[in-house]
PDB file of N, CA and C in Angstrom:
ATOM      1  N   MET A   1      82.323  57.079 121.851  1.00  0.00           N
ATOM      2  CA  MET A   1      82.233  57.273 120.401  1.00  0.00           C
ATOM      3  C   MET A   1      83.631  56.518 119.749  1.00  0.00           C
ATOM      4  N   ASN A   2      83.323  56.175 118.512  1.00  0.00           N
ATOM      5  CA  ASN A   2      84.761  55.770 118.048  1.00  0.00           C
ATOM      6  C   ASN A   2      85.411  56.816 117.510  1.00  0.00           C
ATOM      7  N   THR A   3      86.623  56.644 117.187  1.00  0.00           N
ATOM      8  CA  THR A   3      87.561  57.740 116.552  1.00  0.00           C
ATOM      9  C   THR A   3      87.054  58.185 115.159  1.00  0.00           C
ATOM     10  N   LYS A   4      86.652  57.531 114.267  1.00  0.00           N
ATOM     11  CA  LYS A   4      86.120  57.960 112.957  1.00  0.00           C
ATOM     12  C   LYS A   4      85.001  58.801 113.003  1.00  0.00           C
ATOM     13  N   ARG A   5      84.087  58.430 113.903  1.00  0.00           N
ATOM     14  CA  ARG A   5      82.934  59.393 114.110  1.00  0.00           C
ATOM     15  C   ARG A   5      83.180  60.601 114.745  1.00  0.00           C
ATOM     16  N   LEU A   6      84.277  60.772 115.662  1.00  0.00           N
ATOM     17  CA  LEU A   6      84.599  61.861 116.505  1.00  0.00           C
ATOM     18  C   LEU A   6      85.305  62.706 115.326  1.00  0.00           C
ATOM     19  N   VAL A   7      86.295  62.272 114.560  1.00  0.00           N
ATOM     20  CA  VAL A   7      86.907  62.991 113.423  1.00  0.00           C
ATOM     21  C   VAL A   7      85.929  63.464 112.381  1.00  0.00           C
ATOM     22  N   LEU A   8      84.997  63.048 112.131  1.00  0.00           N
ATOM     23  CA  LEU A   8      83.992  63.296 111.304  1.00  0.00           C
ATOM     24  C   LEU A   8      83.201  64.379 111.650  1.00  0.00           C
ATOM     25  N   LEU A   9      82.752  64.291 112.949  1.00  0.00           N
ATOM     26  CA  LEU A   9      82.037  65.337 113.828  1.00  0.00           C
ATOM     27  C   LEU A   9      82.713  66.561 113.905  1.00  0.00           C
ATOM     28  N   ASN A  10      84.112  66.457 114.319  1.00  0.00           N
ATOM     29  CA  ASN A  10      84.968  67.670 114.115  1.00  0.00           C
ATOM     30  C   ASN A  10      85.033  68.349 112.850  1.00  0.00           C
ATOM     31  N   VAL A  11      85.223  67.559 111.761  1.00  0.00           N
ATOM     32  CA  VAL A  11      85.413  68.244 110.547  1.00  0.00           C
ATOM     33  C   VAL A  11      84.029  68.925 110.097  1.00  0.00           C
ATOM     34  N   ILE A  12      82.949  68.266 110.353  1.00  0.00           N
ATOM     35  CA  ILE A  12      81.546  68.937 110.255  1.00  0.00           C
ATOM     36  C   ILE A  12      81.634  70.219 110.889  1.00  0.00           C
ATOM     37  N   ILE A  13      81.796  70.268 112.088  1.00  0.00           N
ATOM     38  CA  ILE A  13      81.878  71.423 112.965  1.00  0.00           C
ATOM     39  C   ILE A  13      82.796  72.475 112.461  1.00  0.00           C
ATOM     40  N   LEU A  14      83.936  72.115 112.014  1.00  0.00           N
ATOM     41  CA  LEU A  14      85.002  73.089 111.565  1.00  0.00           C
ATOM     42  C   LEU A  14      84.316  73.667 110.083  1.00  0.00           C
ATOM     43  N   ILE A  15      83.736  72.947 109.408  1.00  0.00           N
ATOM     44  CA  ILE A  15      83.212  73.416 108.100  1.00  0.00           C
ATOM     45  C   ILE A  15      82.066  74.355 108.427  1.00  0.00           C
ATOM     46  N   ILE A  16      81.162  74.108 109.402  1.00  0.00           N
ATOM     47  CA  ILE A  16      80.116  74.903 109.668  1.00  0.00           C
ATOM     48  C   ILE A  16      80.636  76.341 110.263  1.00  0.00           C
ATOM     49  N   LEU A  17      81.715  76.334 111.225  1.00  0.00           N
ATOM     50  CA  LEU A  17      82.404  77.298 111.707  1.00  0.00           C
ATOM     51  C   LEU A  17      82.896  78.291 110.914  1.00  0.00           C
ATOM     52  N   VAL A  18      83.880  77.840 109.737  1.00  0.00           N
ATOM     53  CA  VAL A  18      84.325  78.521 108.743  1.00  0.00           C
ATOM     54  C   VAL A  18      83.258  79.194 107.800  1.00  0.00           C
ATOM     55  N   GLY A  19      82.318  78.352 107.374  1.00  0.00           N
ATOM     56  CA  GLY A  19      81.167  79.000 106.722  1.00  0.00           C
ATOM     57  C   GLY A  19      80.486  80.118 107.393  1.00  0.00           C
ATOM     58  N   GLY A  20      80.185  80.024 108.766  1.00  0.00           N
ATOM     59  CA  GLY A  20      79.758  81.074 109.452  1.00  0.00           C
ATOM     60  C   GLY A  20      80.533  82.212 109.543  1.00  0.00           C
ATOM     61  N   GLY A  21      81.979  81.978 109.733  1.00  0.00           N
ATOM     62  CA  GLY A  21      82.693  83.165 109.767  1.00  0.00           C
ATOM     63  C   GLY A  21      82.810  83.899 108.416  1.00  0.00           C
ATOM     64  N   PHE A  22      82.799  83.138 107.177  1.00  0.00           N
ATOM     65  CA  PHE A  22      82.831  83.788 106.003  1.00  0.00           C
ATOM     66  C   PHE A  22      81.653  84.588 105.686  1.00  0.00           C
ATOM     67  N   THR A  23      80.353  84.071 106.067  1.00  0.00           N
ATOM     68  CA  THR A  23      79.017  84.851 105.994  1.00  0.00           C
ATOM     69  C   THR A  23      79.147  85.909 106.894  1.00  0.00           C
ATOM     70  N   ALA A  24      79.568  85.951 108.097  1.00  0.00           N
ATOM     71  CA  ALA A  24      79.782  87.245 108.907  1.00  0.00           C
ATOM     72  C   ALA A  24      80.665  88.244 108.514  1.00  0.00           C
ATOM     73  N   TYR A  25      81.723  87.770 107.976  1.00  0.00           N
ATOM     74  CA  TYR A  25      82.695  88.770 107.210  1.00  0.00           C
ATOM     75  C   TYR A  25      82.158  89.461 106.059  1.00  0.00           C
ATOM     76  N   SER A  26      81.434  88.576 105.274  1.00  0.00           N
ATOM     77  CA  SER A  26      80.818  89.080 104.001  1.00  0.00           C
ATOM     78  C   SER A  26      79.684  90.113 104.474  1.00  0.00           C
ATOM     79  N   TYR A  27      78.938  89.920 105.459  1.00  0.00           N
ATOM     80  CA  TYR A  27      77.906  90.843 105.966  1.00  0.00           C
ATOM     81  C   TYR A  27      78.454  92.123 106.469  1.00  0.00           C
ATOM     82  N   TYR A  28      79.475  92.079 107.248  1.00  0.00           N
ATOM     83  CA  TYR A  28      80.277  93.213 107.796  1.00  0.00           C
ATOM     84  C   TYR A  28      80.666  93.994 106.765  1.00  0.00           C
ATOM     85  N   ASN A  29      81.324  93.436 105.818  1.00  0.00           N
ATOM     86  CA  ASN A  29      82.043  94.193 104.730  1.00  0.00           C
ATOM     87  C   ASN A  29      81.093  94.797 103.790  1.00  0.00           C
ATOM     88  N   ARG A  30      80.021  94.246 103.452  1.00  0.00           N
ATOM     89  CA  ARG A  30      78.840  95.016 102.910  1.00  0.00           C
ATOM     90  C   ARG A  30      78.122  96.071 103.553  1.00  0.00           C
ATOM     91  N   THR A  31      78.116  95.906 104.875  1.00  0.00           N
ATOM     92  CA  THR A  31      77.491  97.064 105.750  1.00  0.00           C
ATOM     93  C   THR A  31      78.311  98.268 105.959  1.00  0.00           C
ATOM     94  N   VAL A  32      79.656  98.004 105.996  1.00  0.00           N
ATOM     95  CA  VAL A  32      80.619  99.051 106.264  1.00  0.00           C
ATOM     96  C   VAL A  32      80.970  99.830 105.022  1.00  0.00           C
ATOM     97  N   ASN A  33      80.977  98.962 103.873  1.00  0.00           N
ATOM     98  CA  ASN A  33      81.683  99.676 102.727  1.00  0.00           C
ATOM     99  C   ASN A  33      80.511 100.160 101.673  1.00  0.00           C
ATOM    100  N   TYR A  34      79.314  99.640 101.755  1.00  0.00           N
ATOM    101  CA  TYR A  34      78.384 100.185 100.759  1.00  0.00           C
ATOM    102  C   TYR A  34      77.258 100.773 101.403  1.00  0.00           C
ATOM    103  N   LEU A  35      76.615 101.718 100.867  1.00  0.00           N
ATOM    104  CA  LEU A  35      75.335 102.368 101.246  1.00  0.00           C
ATOM    105  C   LEU A  35      74.171 101.677 100.714  1.00  0.00           C
ATOM    106  N   SER A  36      73.257 101.501 101.439  1.00  0.00           N
ATOM    107  CA  SER A  36      71.876 101.141 101.010  1.00  0.00           C
ATOM    108  C   SER A  36      70.690 101.856 101.571  1.00  0.00           C
ATOM    109  N   THR A  37      69.602 101.817 100.712  1.00  0.00           N
ATOM    110  CA  THR A  37      68.390 102.621 101.179  1.00  0.00           C
ATOM    111  C   THR A  37      67.153 101.939 100.534  1.00  0.00           C
ATOM    112  N   ASP A  38      66.057 102.028 101.234  1.00  0.00           N
ATOM    113  CA  ASP A  38      64.857 101.743 100.639  1.00  0.00           C
ATOM    114  C   ASP A  38      64.048 102.867  99.928  1.00  0.00           C
ATOM    115  N   ASN A  39      64.562 103.991 100.317  1.00  0.00           N
ATOM    116  CA  ASN A  39      63.594 105.216  99.977  1.00  0.00           C
ATOM    117  C   ASN A  39      64.472 106.234  99.458  1.00  0.00           C
ATOM    118  N   ALA A  40      65.306 105.895  98.404  1.00  0.00           N
ATOM    119  CA  ALA A  40      66.150 107.063  97.658  1.00  0.00           C
ATOM    120  C   ALA A  40      65.428 107.908  96.617  1.00  0.00           C
ATOM    121  N   GLN A  41      65.625 109.001  96.949  1.00  0.00           N
ATOM    122  CA  GLN A  41      64.892 110.153  96.064  1.00  0.00           C
ATOM    123  C   GLN A  41      65.862 111.323  95.826  1.00  0.00           C
ATOM    124  N   ILE A  42      65.521 111.913  94.611  1.00  0.00           N
ATOM    125  CA  ILE A  42      66.454 113.048  94.129  1.00  0.00           C
ATOM    126  C   ILE A  42      65.494 114.124  94.084  1.00  0.00           C
ATOM    127  N   VAL A  43      65.986 115.274  94.779  1.00  0.00           N
ATOM    128  CA  VAL A  43      65.082 116.514  94.618  1.00  0.00           C
ATOM    129  C   VAL A  43      65.856 117.592  93.805  1.00  0.00           C
ATOM    130  N   GLY A  44      65.106 118.193  92.806  1.00  0.00           N
ATOM    131  CA  GLY A  44      65.883 119.223  92.115  1.00  0.00           C
ATOM    132  C   GLY A  44      64.782 119.443  90.896  1.00  0.00           C
ATOM    133  N   GLN A  45      65.327 120.478  89.906  1.00  0.00           N
ATOM    134  CA  GLN A  45      64.545 120.802  88.960  1.00  0.00           C
ATOM    135  C   GLN A  45      64.949 120.172  87.620  1.00  0.00           C
ATOM    136  N   GLN A  46      63.870 119.555  86.927  1.00  0.00           N
ATOM    137  CA  GLN A  46      64.158 118.834  85.577  1.00  0.00           C
ATOM    138  C   GLN A  46      64.649 119.787  84.670  1.00  0.00           C
ATOM    139  N   VAL A  47      65.631 119.449  83.916  1.00  0.00           N
ATOM    140  CA  VAL A  47      66.139 120.308  82.716  1.00  0.00           C
ATOM    141  C   VAL A  47      66.111 119.483  81.366  1.00  0.00           C
ATOM    142  N   THR A  48      65.491 120.115  80.368  1.00  0.00           N
ATOM    143  CA  THR A  48      65.595 119.300  79.024  1.00  0.00           C
ATOM    144  C   THR A  48      66.799 119.521  78.526  1.00  0.00           C
ATOM    145  N   ILE A  49      67.317 118.571  77.754  1.00  0.00           N
ATOM    146  CA  ILE A  49      68.652 118.599  77.190  1.00  0.00           C
ATOM    147  C   ILE A  49      68.438 118.243  75.599  1.00  0.00           C
ATOM    148  N   ALA A  50      68.711 119.052  74.662  1.00  0.00           N
ATOM    149  CA  ALA A  50      68.415 118.854  73.343  1.00  0.00           C
ATOM    150  C   ALA A  50      69.879 119.351  72.495  1.00  0.00           C
ATOM    151  N   ALA A  51      69.908 118.584  71.425  1.00  0.00           N
ATOM    152  CA  ALA A  51      70.772 119.047  70.190  1.00  0.00           C
ATOM    153  C   ALA A  51      70.443 120.429  69.781  1.00  0.00           C
ATOM    154  N   PRO A  52      71.543 121.374  69.526  1.00  0.00           N
ATOM    155  CA  PRO A  52      71.134 122.748  68.958  1.00  0.00           C
ATOM    156  C   PRO A  52      70.785 122.691  67.569  1.00  0.00           C
ATOM    157  N   ALA A  53      71.048 121.653  66.735  1.00  0.00           N
ATOM    158  CA  ALA A  53      70.623 121.593  65.338  1.00  0.00           C
ATOM    159  C   ALA A  53      70.320 120.066  65.067  1.00  0.00           C
ATOM    160  N   ASN A  54      69.401 119.759  64.165  1.00  0.00           N
ATOM    161  CA  ASN A  54      69.152 118.336  63.645  1.00  0.00           C
ATOM    162  C   ASN A  54      70.177 118.064  62.763  1.00  0.00           C
ATOM    163  N   GLY A  55      70.450 116.488  62.732  1.00  0.00           N
ATOM    164  CA  GLY A  55      71.340 116.144  61.539  1.00  0.00           C
ATOM    165  C   GLY A  55      72.083 115.027  62.197  1.00  0.00           C
ATOM    166  N   SER A  56      73.081 114.518  61.418  1.00  0.00           N
ATOM    167  CA  SER A  56      74.069 113.465  61.916  1.00  0.00           C
ATOM    168  C   SER A  56      75.383 113.865  61.790  1.00  0.00           C
ATOM    169  N   ILE A  57      76.208 113.136  62.505  1.00  0.00           N
ATOM    170  CA  ILE A  57      77.765 113.526  62.660  1.00  0.00           C
ATOM    171  C   ILE A  57      78.375 112.574  61.678  1.00  0.00           C
ATOM    172  N   HIS A  58      79.173 113.128  60.716  1.00  0.00           N
ATOM    173  CA  HIS A  58      79.873 112.215  59.677  1.00  0.00           C
ATOM    174  C   HIS A  58      81.442 112.274  60.024  1.00  0.00           C
TER     175      HIS A  58
END
């Protein structure tokens, strides 16, 4: 292989490795710091909230 082709190949491999490392770090950071679920539900009694009087605030 000539030198230019070898340097180009090394640069391409370096870019792929850096991109893969960034993607892996991003995935790790998201899974460690944020919760996620496909089935989130809240159990409790519903309460109606209403104003004690009709009108507007001036």
